[in-house]
């Protein structure tokens, strides 16, 4: 393994695979599951948390009390990404030890470099809000042309 720095990022090269490792930042912001019936899912513990998995890396938010069914995490995680065209992030929401809804899978190939991209995870009775940011990979951020510019809508 060797490291090379350029600007504010350090790139890691793996000698065994001869590949560069990129970085993905995920902000898990907040959730809302107020329309869920806790009795239907046998929920007794109002402690919400999110598990994120990318390859063999797993990260979890803190378990936060959510007496009104709207957990607030505001936690940021950074993952190593070996192949943005193939790697995916799998996110799962839990209340206590009970998984709520299905896991969501997110592709990384459409992210724009250094730009925050909103990702909403649908859960039973609501959603979890997250943002993904490709720190050193992704499509280049191209400024909008005059035809695509909707700034006139700001005045309406």
N, C-alpha and C. Protein backbone atom coordinates (compact mmCIF):
# COMPACT_ATOMS: atom_id res chain seq x y z
N UNK A 1 0.85 -1.18 0.00
CA UNK A 1 0.00 0.00 0.00
C UNK A 1 0.89 1.23 0.00
N UNK A 2 0.64 2.17 -0.90
CA UNK A 2 1.38 3.42 -0.93
C UNK A 2 0.38 4.57 -0.95
N UNK A 3 0.82 5.72 -0.44
CA UNK A 3 -0.05 6.89 -0.36
C UNK A 3 0.55 8.02 -1.16
N UNK A 4 -0.31 8.77 -1.87
CA UNK A 4 0.12 9.92 -2.65
C UNK A 4 -0.85 11.05 -2.35
N UNK A 5 -0.31 12.22 -2.01
CA UNK A 5 -1.16 13.36 -1.68
C UNK A 5 -1.22 14.34 -2.85
N UNK A 6 -2.44 14.80 -3.12
CA UNK A 6 -2.64 15.86 -4.11
C UNK A 6 -3.68 16.80 -3.53
N UNK A 7 -3.27 18.02 -3.26
CA UNK A 7 -4.23 18.97 -2.68
C UNK A 7 -4.63 18.54 -1.29
N UNK A 8 -5.94 18.50 -1.04
CA UNK A 8 -6.43 18.16 0.29
C UNK A 8 -6.78 16.69 0.45
N UNK A 9 -6.55 15.87 -0.58
CA UNK A 9 -6.89 14.46 -0.51
C UNK A 9 -5.65 13.60 -0.64
N UNK A 10 -5.65 12.49 0.05
CA UNK A 10 -4.60 11.49 -0.09
C UNK A 10 -5.19 10.30 -0.81
N UNK A 11 -4.53 9.88 -1.86
CA UNK A 11 -4.97 8.72 -2.61
C UNK A 11 -4.17 7.53 -2.15
N UNK A 12 -4.83 6.41 -1.97
CA UNK A 12 -4.18 5.19 -1.53
C UNK A 12 -4.14 4.23 -2.70
N UNK A 13 -2.95 3.76 -3.02
CA UNK A 13 -2.80 2.78 -4.08
C UNK A 13 -2.52 1.43 -3.44
N UNK A 14 -3.26 0.42 -3.84
CA UNK A 14 -3.05 -0.92 -3.32
C UNK A 14 -2.18 -1.68 -4.32
N UNK A 15 -1.05 -2.15 -3.86
CA UNK A 15 -0.12 -2.85 -4.74
C UNK A 15 -0.69 -4.16 -5.24
N UNK A 16 -1.48 -4.84 -4.40
CA UNK A 16 -2.00 -6.13 -4.80
C UNK A 16 -3.03 -6.02 -5.92
N UNK A 17 -3.76 -4.92 -5.97
CA UNK A 17 -4.79 -4.76 -6.99
C UNK A 17 -4.45 -3.66 -7.99
N UNK A 18 -3.43 -2.85 -7.67
CA UNK A 18 -3.02 -1.74 -8.52
C UNK A 18 -4.20 -0.81 -8.82
N UNK A 19 -4.98 -0.53 -7.80
CA UNK A 19 -6.13 0.34 -7.95
C UNK A 19 -6.04 1.49 -6.96
N UNK A 20 -6.67 2.58 -7.30
CA UNK A 20 -6.71 3.73 -6.43
C UNK A 20 -7.99 3.66 -5.59
N UNK A 21 -7.90 4.10 -4.36
CA UNK A 21 -9.06 4.12 -3.48
C UNK A 21 -9.58 5.56 -3.41
N UNK A 22 -10.87 5.70 -3.65
CA UNK A 22 -11.53 7.00 -3.61
C UNK A 22 -12.28 7.13 -2.29
N UNK A 23 -12.93 8.28 -2.09
CA UNK A 23 -13.60 8.54 -0.83
C UNK A 23 -15.02 9.06 -1.06
N UNK A 24 -15.95 8.54 -0.27
CA UNK A 24 -17.35 8.93 -0.31
C UNK A 24 -17.75 9.41 1.07
N UNK A 25 -18.38 10.59 1.12
CA UNK A 25 -18.87 11.13 2.38
C UNK A 25 -20.39 10.99 2.40
N UNK A 26 -20.92 10.45 3.49
CA UNK A 26 -22.37 10.31 3.65
C UNK A 26 -22.79 11.01 4.94
N UNK A 27 -23.74 11.92 4.80
CA UNK A 27 -24.34 12.58 5.96
C UNK A 27 -25.70 11.95 6.19
N UNK A 28 -25.88 11.32 7.35
CA UNK A 28 -27.19 10.80 7.75
C UNK A 28 -27.80 11.88 8.63
N UNK A 29 -28.83 12.55 8.13
CA UNK A 29 -29.34 13.75 8.79
C UNK A 29 -30.47 13.44 9.77
N UNK A 30 -31.62 13.06 9.24
CA UNK A 30 -32.80 12.92 10.08
C UNK A 30 -33.74 11.86 9.51
N UNK A 31 -34.73 11.50 10.28
CA UNK A 31 -35.73 10.54 9.83
C UNK A 31 -37.10 10.95 10.31
N UNK A 32 -38.10 10.28 9.76
CA UNK A 32 -39.46 10.54 10.17
C UNK A 32 -40.27 9.28 9.87
N UNK A 33 -40.84 8.71 10.89
CA UNK A 33 -41.69 7.51 10.70
C UNK A 33 -42.98 7.66 11.51
N UNK A 34 -43.52 8.86 11.51
CA UNK A 34 -44.72 9.16 12.31
C UNK A 34 -45.96 8.43 11.85
N UNK A 35 -45.99 8.04 10.58
CA UNK A 35 -47.19 7.37 10.06
C UNK A 35 -47.12 5.85 10.24
N UNK A 36 -46.12 5.37 10.94
CA UNK A 36 -46.00 3.93 11.18
C UNK A 36 -46.78 3.55 12.44
N UNK A 37 -47.40 2.41 12.42
CA UNK A 37 -48.10 1.89 13.59
C UNK A 37 -47.14 1.00 14.36
N UNK A 38 -46.58 1.47 15.48
CA UNK A 38 -45.60 0.68 16.21
C UNK A 38 -46.13 -0.65 16.73
N UNK A 39 -47.42 -0.72 17.00
CA UNK A 39 -47.99 -1.98 17.48
C UNK A 39 -47.98 -3.04 16.38
N UNK A 40 -48.16 -2.63 15.14
CA UNK A 40 -48.17 -3.59 14.02
C UNK A 40 -46.80 -4.24 13.84
N UNK A 41 -45.72 -3.55 14.23
CA UNK A 41 -44.36 -4.08 14.06
C UNK A 41 -43.74 -4.48 15.40
N UNK A 42 -44.56 -4.49 16.46
CA UNK A 42 -44.11 -4.89 17.78
C UNK A 42 -42.93 -4.04 18.26
N UNK A 43 -43.00 -2.74 18.01
CA UNK A 43 -41.93 -1.81 18.39
C UNK A 43 -42.19 -1.35 19.82
N UNK A 44 -41.24 -1.59 20.69
CA UNK A 44 -41.36 -1.13 22.07
C UNK A 44 -40.23 -0.16 22.41
N UNK A 45 -39.13 -0.22 21.67
CA UNK A 45 -37.97 0.63 21.95
C UNK A 45 -37.91 1.73 20.89
N UNK A 46 -38.00 2.98 21.34
CA UNK A 46 -37.99 4.12 20.42
C UNK A 46 -36.58 4.68 20.29
N UNK A 47 -35.65 3.83 19.85
CA UNK A 47 -34.26 4.20 19.61
C UNK A 47 -33.95 3.93 18.15
N UNK A 48 -33.86 5.00 17.34
CA UNK A 48 -33.63 4.85 15.91
C UNK A 48 -32.16 4.91 15.54
N UNK A 49 -31.78 4.12 14.55
CA UNK A 49 -30.40 4.13 14.04
C UNK A 49 -30.37 3.62 12.62
N UNK A 50 -29.28 3.95 11.92
CA UNK A 50 -29.11 3.56 10.52
C UNK A 50 -27.79 2.82 10.38
N UNK A 51 -27.83 1.73 9.60
CA UNK A 51 -26.61 0.98 9.27
C UNK A 51 -26.30 1.22 7.80
N UNK A 52 -25.04 1.58 7.51
CA UNK A 52 -24.56 1.79 6.14
C UNK A 52 -23.49 0.76 5.83
N UNK A 53 -23.59 0.13 4.66
CA UNK A 53 -22.61 -0.88 4.27
C UNK A 53 -22.14 -0.56 2.86
N UNK A 54 -20.81 -0.53 2.69
CA UNK A 54 -20.19 -0.38 1.37
C UNK A 54 -19.08 -1.42 1.30
N UNK A 55 -19.28 -2.44 0.49
CA UNK A 55 -18.30 -3.54 0.42
C UNK A 55 -18.21 -4.22 1.77
N UNK A 56 -16.98 -4.29 2.32
CA UNK A 56 -16.80 -4.91 3.63
C UNK A 56 -16.74 -3.88 4.76
N UNK A 57 -17.08 -2.63 4.46
CA UNK A 57 -17.10 -1.58 5.48
C UNK A 57 -18.53 -1.40 6.00
N UNK A 58 -18.68 -1.34 7.30
CA UNK A 58 -19.99 -1.11 7.92
C UNK A 58 -19.87 0.01 8.93
N UNK A 59 -20.78 0.96 8.85
CA UNK A 59 -20.80 2.07 9.79
C UNK A 59 -22.23 2.24 10.28
N UNK A 60 -22.36 2.65 11.54
CA UNK A 60 -23.67 2.81 12.16
C UNK A 60 -23.78 4.16 12.83
N UNK A 61 -24.96 4.74 12.75
CA UNK A 61 -25.20 5.98 13.49
C UNK A 61 -25.36 5.63 14.97
N UNK A 62 -25.35 6.67 15.78
CA UNK A 62 -25.68 6.48 17.19
C UNK A 62 -27.15 6.10 17.29
N UNK A 63 -27.49 5.40 18.32
CA UNK A 63 -28.90 5.12 18.60
C UNK A 63 -29.45 6.33 19.34
N UNK A 64 -30.45 6.97 18.71
CA UNK A 64 -31.00 8.18 19.32
C UNK A 64 -32.44 7.95 19.72
N UNK A 65 -32.80 8.53 20.83
CA UNK A 65 -34.17 8.45 21.31
C UNK A 65 -35.06 9.26 20.37
N UNK A 66 -36.18 8.67 20.01
CA UNK A 66 -37.11 9.37 19.11
C UNK A 66 -38.54 9.17 19.61
N UNK A 67 -38.89 9.82 20.74
CA UNK A 67 -40.23 9.64 21.30
C UNK A 67 -41.34 10.13 20.38
N UNK A 68 -41.03 11.05 19.47
CA UNK A 68 -42.03 11.57 18.54
C UNK A 68 -41.85 10.95 17.15
N UNK A 69 -41.06 9.88 17.04
CA UNK A 69 -40.83 9.13 15.79
C UNK A 69 -40.11 9.96 14.73
N UNK A 70 -39.25 10.88 15.17
CA UNK A 70 -38.46 11.66 14.21
C UNK A 70 -37.01 11.79 14.69
N UNK A 71 -36.22 10.71 14.51
CA UNK A 71 -34.83 10.73 14.99
C UNK A 71 -33.98 11.77 14.24
N UNK A 72 -33.04 12.36 14.98
CA UNK A 72 -32.10 13.32 14.42
C UNK A 72 -30.69 12.83 14.72
N UNK A 73 -29.92 12.51 13.66
CA UNK A 73 -28.56 12.01 13.84
C UNK A 73 -27.53 13.08 13.50
N UNK A 74 -27.60 13.64 12.32
CA UNK A 74 -26.64 14.63 11.83
C UNK A 74 -25.21 14.11 11.99
N UNK A 75 -24.98 12.89 11.47
CA UNK A 75 -23.67 12.24 11.55
C UNK A 75 -23.09 12.06 10.15
N UNK A 76 -21.78 12.29 10.04
CA UNK A 76 -21.09 12.17 8.76
C UNK A 76 -20.11 11.01 8.82
N UNK A 77 -20.10 10.21 7.75
CA UNK A 77 -19.20 9.06 7.63
C UNK A 77 -18.44 9.16 6.32
N UNK A 78 -17.20 8.68 6.31
CA UNK A 78 -16.41 8.64 5.09
C UNK A 78 -16.05 7.18 4.82
N UNK A 79 -16.32 6.75 3.59
CA UNK A 79 -16.05 5.38 3.15
C UNK A 79 -14.96 5.39 2.08
N UNK A 80 -14.17 4.31 2.04
CA UNK A 80 -13.25 4.07 0.94
C UNK A 80 -14.02 3.40 -0.19
N UNK A 81 -13.81 3.87 -1.41
CA UNK A 81 -14.49 3.33 -2.59
C UNK A 81 -13.42 2.87 -3.56
N UNK A 82 -13.46 1.59 -3.94
CA UNK A 82 -12.47 1.07 -4.89
C UNK A 82 -12.91 1.25 -6.33
N UNK A 83 -14.18 1.01 -6.63
CA UNK A 83 -14.67 1.12 -8.00
C UNK A 83 -16.04 1.80 -8.01
N UNK A 84 -16.05 3.13 -8.19
CA UNK A 84 -17.33 3.86 -8.16
C UNK A 84 -18.34 3.39 -9.21
N UNK A 85 -17.88 2.78 -10.26
CA UNK A 85 -18.81 2.32 -11.30
C UNK A 85 -19.54 1.04 -10.89
N UNK A 86 -19.01 0.32 -9.90
CA UNK A 86 -19.62 -0.95 -9.48
C UNK A 86 -20.05 -0.97 -8.02
N UNK A 87 -19.37 -0.21 -7.17
CA UNK A 87 -19.68 -0.24 -5.73
C UNK A 87 -21.04 0.38 -5.45
N UNK A 88 -21.71 -0.11 -4.41
CA UNK A 88 -23.00 0.41 -3.98
C UNK A 88 -22.99 0.56 -2.46
N UNK A 89 -23.87 1.43 -1.98
CA UNK A 89 -24.08 1.59 -0.54
C UNK A 89 -25.44 1.01 -0.22
N UNK A 90 -25.51 0.21 0.84
CA UNK A 90 -26.77 -0.36 1.31
C UNK A 90 -27.07 0.28 2.67
N UNK A 91 -28.25 0.90 2.78
CA UNK A 91 -28.67 1.56 4.01
C UNK A 91 -29.88 0.85 4.59
N UNK A 92 -29.89 0.69 5.93
CA UNK A 92 -30.99 0.02 6.61
C UNK A 92 -31.34 0.81 7.86
N UNK A 93 -32.65 1.00 8.10
CA UNK A 93 -33.13 1.73 9.27
C UNK A 93 -33.67 0.76 10.30
N UNK A 94 -33.35 1.03 11.57
CA UNK A 94 -33.81 0.19 12.68
C UNK A 94 -34.43 1.04 13.77
N UNK A 95 -35.41 0.46 14.45
CA UNK A 95 -35.92 0.97 15.71
C UNK A 95 -35.63 -0.12 16.73
N UNK A 96 -34.76 0.20 17.69
CA UNK A 96 -34.27 -0.85 18.58
C UNK A 96 -33.51 -1.87 17.76
N UNK A 97 -33.89 -3.14 17.86
CA UNK A 97 -33.26 -4.19 17.07
C UNK A 97 -34.12 -4.61 15.88
N UNK A 98 -35.23 -3.91 15.65
CA UNK A 98 -36.16 -4.27 14.58
C UNK A 98 -35.89 -3.47 13.32
N UNK A 99 -35.62 -4.17 12.22
CA UNK A 99 -35.45 -3.51 10.93
C UNK A 99 -36.80 -3.01 10.46
N UNK A 100 -36.87 -1.74 10.06
CA UNK A 100 -38.11 -1.14 9.59
C UNK A 100 -38.04 -1.01 8.07
N UNK A 101 -38.87 -1.76 7.38
CA UNK A 101 -38.87 -1.73 5.93
C UNK A 101 -37.70 -2.51 5.35
N UNK A 102 -37.48 -2.32 4.06
CA UNK A 102 -36.40 -3.01 3.37
C UNK A 102 -35.17 -2.12 3.31
N UNK A 103 -34.02 -2.73 3.12
CA UNK A 103 -32.79 -1.98 2.91
C UNK A 103 -32.86 -1.28 1.55
N UNK A 104 -32.19 -0.14 1.45
CA UNK A 104 -32.13 0.60 0.19
C UNK A 104 -30.71 0.52 -0.36
N UNK A 105 -30.61 0.37 -1.68
CA UNK A 105 -29.31 0.28 -2.35
C UNK A 105 -29.11 1.51 -3.21
N UNK A 106 -27.92 2.14 -3.08
CA UNK A 106 -27.62 3.36 -3.81
C UNK A 106 -26.39 3.17 -4.69
N UNK A 107 -26.52 3.53 -5.96
CA UNK A 107 -25.41 3.48 -6.91
C UNK A 107 -24.53 4.71 -6.71
N UNK A 108 -23.24 4.56 -6.96
CA UNK A 108 -22.31 5.68 -6.83
C UNK A 108 -21.91 6.26 -8.17
N UNK A 109 -22.24 5.57 -9.24
CA UNK A 109 -21.76 5.94 -10.58
C UNK A 109 -22.34 7.26 -11.09
N UNK A 110 -23.45 7.71 -10.55
CA UNK A 110 -24.08 8.94 -11.04
C UNK A 110 -23.77 10.16 -10.18
N UNK A 111 -22.95 10.01 -9.15
CA UNK A 111 -22.64 11.15 -8.29
C UNK A 111 -21.78 12.17 -9.02
N UNK A 112 -21.95 13.44 -8.67
CA UNK A 112 -21.15 14.52 -9.22
C UNK A 112 -20.05 14.85 -8.21
N UNK A 113 -18.82 14.98 -8.71
CA UNK A 113 -17.68 15.19 -7.83
C UNK A 113 -17.86 16.42 -6.95
N UNK A 114 -17.66 16.24 -5.64
CA UNK A 114 -17.69 17.28 -4.61
C UNK A 114 -19.04 17.97 -4.45
N UNK A 115 -20.10 17.40 -4.99
CA UNK A 115 -21.42 18.00 -4.89
C UNK A 115 -22.32 17.13 -4.01
N UNK A 116 -23.00 17.75 -3.06
CA UNK A 116 -23.93 17.02 -2.20
C UNK A 116 -25.14 16.58 -3.02
N UNK A 117 -25.49 15.31 -2.91
CA UNK A 117 -26.64 14.76 -3.61
C UNK A 117 -27.59 14.17 -2.58
N UNK A 118 -28.82 14.66 -2.56
CA UNK A 118 -29.81 14.18 -1.60
C UNK A 118 -30.21 12.75 -1.94
N UNK A 119 -30.28 11.92 -0.92
CA UNK A 119 -30.77 10.54 -1.05
C UNK A 119 -31.79 10.33 0.07
N UNK A 120 -33.02 10.07 -0.31
CA UNK A 120 -34.06 9.77 0.66
C UNK A 120 -34.31 8.27 0.69
N UNK A 121 -34.31 7.69 1.87
CA UNK A 121 -34.59 6.26 2.00
C UNK A 121 -36.02 6.11 2.50
N UNK A 122 -36.85 5.48 1.69
CA UNK A 122 -38.24 5.24 2.09
C UNK A 122 -38.29 4.17 3.16
N UNK A 123 -38.98 4.47 4.24
CA UNK A 123 -39.19 3.49 5.31
C UNK A 123 -40.69 3.46 5.58
N UNK A 124 -41.12 2.47 6.31
CA UNK A 124 -42.54 2.35 6.62
C UNK A 124 -42.95 3.56 7.45
N UNK A 125 -43.93 4.30 6.95
CA UNK A 125 -44.45 5.45 7.66
C UNK A 125 -43.64 6.72 7.50
N UNK A 126 -42.64 6.74 6.61
CA UNK A 126 -41.85 7.97 6.46
C UNK A 126 -40.61 7.78 5.61
N UNK A 127 -39.52 8.46 6.03
CA UNK A 127 -38.28 8.40 5.27
C UNK A 127 -37.09 8.78 6.15
N UNK A 128 -35.89 8.48 5.65
CA UNK A 128 -34.63 8.90 6.25
C UNK A 128 -33.94 9.79 5.23
N UNK A 129 -33.47 10.97 5.66
CA UNK A 129 -32.79 11.91 4.78
C UNK A 129 -31.28 11.77 4.92
N UNK A 130 -30.60 11.63 3.77
CA UNK A 130 -29.15 11.52 3.71
C UNK A 130 -28.63 12.35 2.54
N UNK A 131 -27.36 12.71 2.58
CA UNK A 131 -26.70 13.28 1.42
C UNK A 131 -25.41 12.51 1.17
N UNK A 132 -25.13 12.27 -0.11
CA UNK A 132 -23.90 11.60 -0.53
C UNK A 132 -23.04 12.65 -1.23
N UNK A 133 -21.71 12.57 -1.03
CA UNK A 133 -20.79 13.47 -1.73
C UNK A 133 -19.55 12.69 -2.11
N UNK A 134 -19.30 12.62 -3.41
CA UNK A 134 -18.09 11.98 -3.93
C UNK A 134 -16.95 12.97 -3.74
N UNK A 135 -16.01 12.65 -2.85
CA UNK A 135 -14.96 13.61 -2.52
C UNK A 135 -13.90 13.72 -3.61
N UNK A 136 -13.58 12.61 -4.25
CA UNK A 136 -12.50 12.63 -5.25
C UNK A 136 -12.78 11.70 -6.43
N UNK A 137 -14.04 11.55 -6.77
CA UNK A 137 -14.44 10.80 -7.96
C UNK A 137 -15.79 11.34 -8.40
N UNK A 138 -16.30 10.84 -9.49
CA UNK A 138 -17.62 11.24 -9.97
C UNK A 138 -17.56 12.08 -11.22
N UNK A 139 -18.73 12.40 -11.71
CA UNK A 139 -18.85 13.22 -12.91
C UNK A 139 -18.45 14.65 -12.56
N UNK A 140 -17.86 15.36 -13.52
CA UNK A 140 -17.50 16.76 -13.24
C UNK A 140 -18.76 17.61 -13.11
N UNK A 141 -18.67 18.63 -12.26
CA UNK A 141 -19.79 19.54 -12.06
C UNK A 141 -19.77 20.58 -13.18
N UNK A 142 -20.73 20.49 -14.09
CA UNK A 142 -20.81 21.39 -15.23
C UNK A 142 -21.82 22.48 -14.92
N UNK A 143 -21.42 23.77 -15.03
CA UNK A 143 -22.38 24.84 -14.76
C UNK A 143 -23.55 24.81 -15.72
N UNK A 144 -24.70 25.23 -15.24
CA UNK A 144 -25.91 25.23 -16.06
C UNK A 144 -25.79 26.27 -17.17
N UNK A 145 -26.32 25.95 -18.34
CA UNK A 145 -26.36 26.91 -19.44
C UNK A 145 -27.53 27.86 -19.22
N UNK A 146 -27.60 28.91 -20.02
CA UNK A 146 -28.67 29.89 -19.88
C UNK A 146 -30.04 29.24 -20.06
N UNK A 147 -30.12 28.23 -20.94
CA UNK A 147 -31.39 27.55 -21.17
C UNK A 147 -31.81 26.70 -19.97
N UNK A 148 -30.81 26.18 -19.23
CA UNK A 148 -31.11 25.34 -18.08
C UNK A 148 -31.25 26.14 -16.79
N UNK A 149 -30.87 27.41 -16.83
CA UNK A 149 -30.88 28.25 -15.64
C UNK A 149 -32.32 28.62 -15.28
N UNK A 150 -32.75 28.23 -14.08
CA UNK A 150 -34.10 28.52 -13.62
C UNK A 150 -34.11 29.58 -12.53
N UNK A 151 -33.07 30.43 -12.51
CA UNK A 151 -32.97 31.42 -11.42
C UNK A 151 -34.14 32.41 -11.44
N UNK A 152 -34.78 32.60 -12.61
CA UNK A 152 -35.93 33.49 -12.65
C UNK A 152 -37.05 33.01 -11.73
N UNK A 153 -37.06 31.71 -11.40
CA UNK A 153 -38.08 31.17 -10.52
C UNK A 153 -37.93 31.68 -9.10
N UNK A 154 -36.75 32.21 -8.74
CA UNK A 154 -36.51 32.72 -7.40
C UNK A 154 -37.42 33.90 -7.08
N UNK A 155 -37.89 34.62 -8.11
CA UNK A 155 -38.71 35.80 -7.89
C UNK A 155 -40.19 35.48 -7.83
N UNK A 156 -40.57 34.28 -8.22
CA UNK A 156 -41.99 33.92 -8.26
C UNK A 156 -42.48 33.43 -6.93
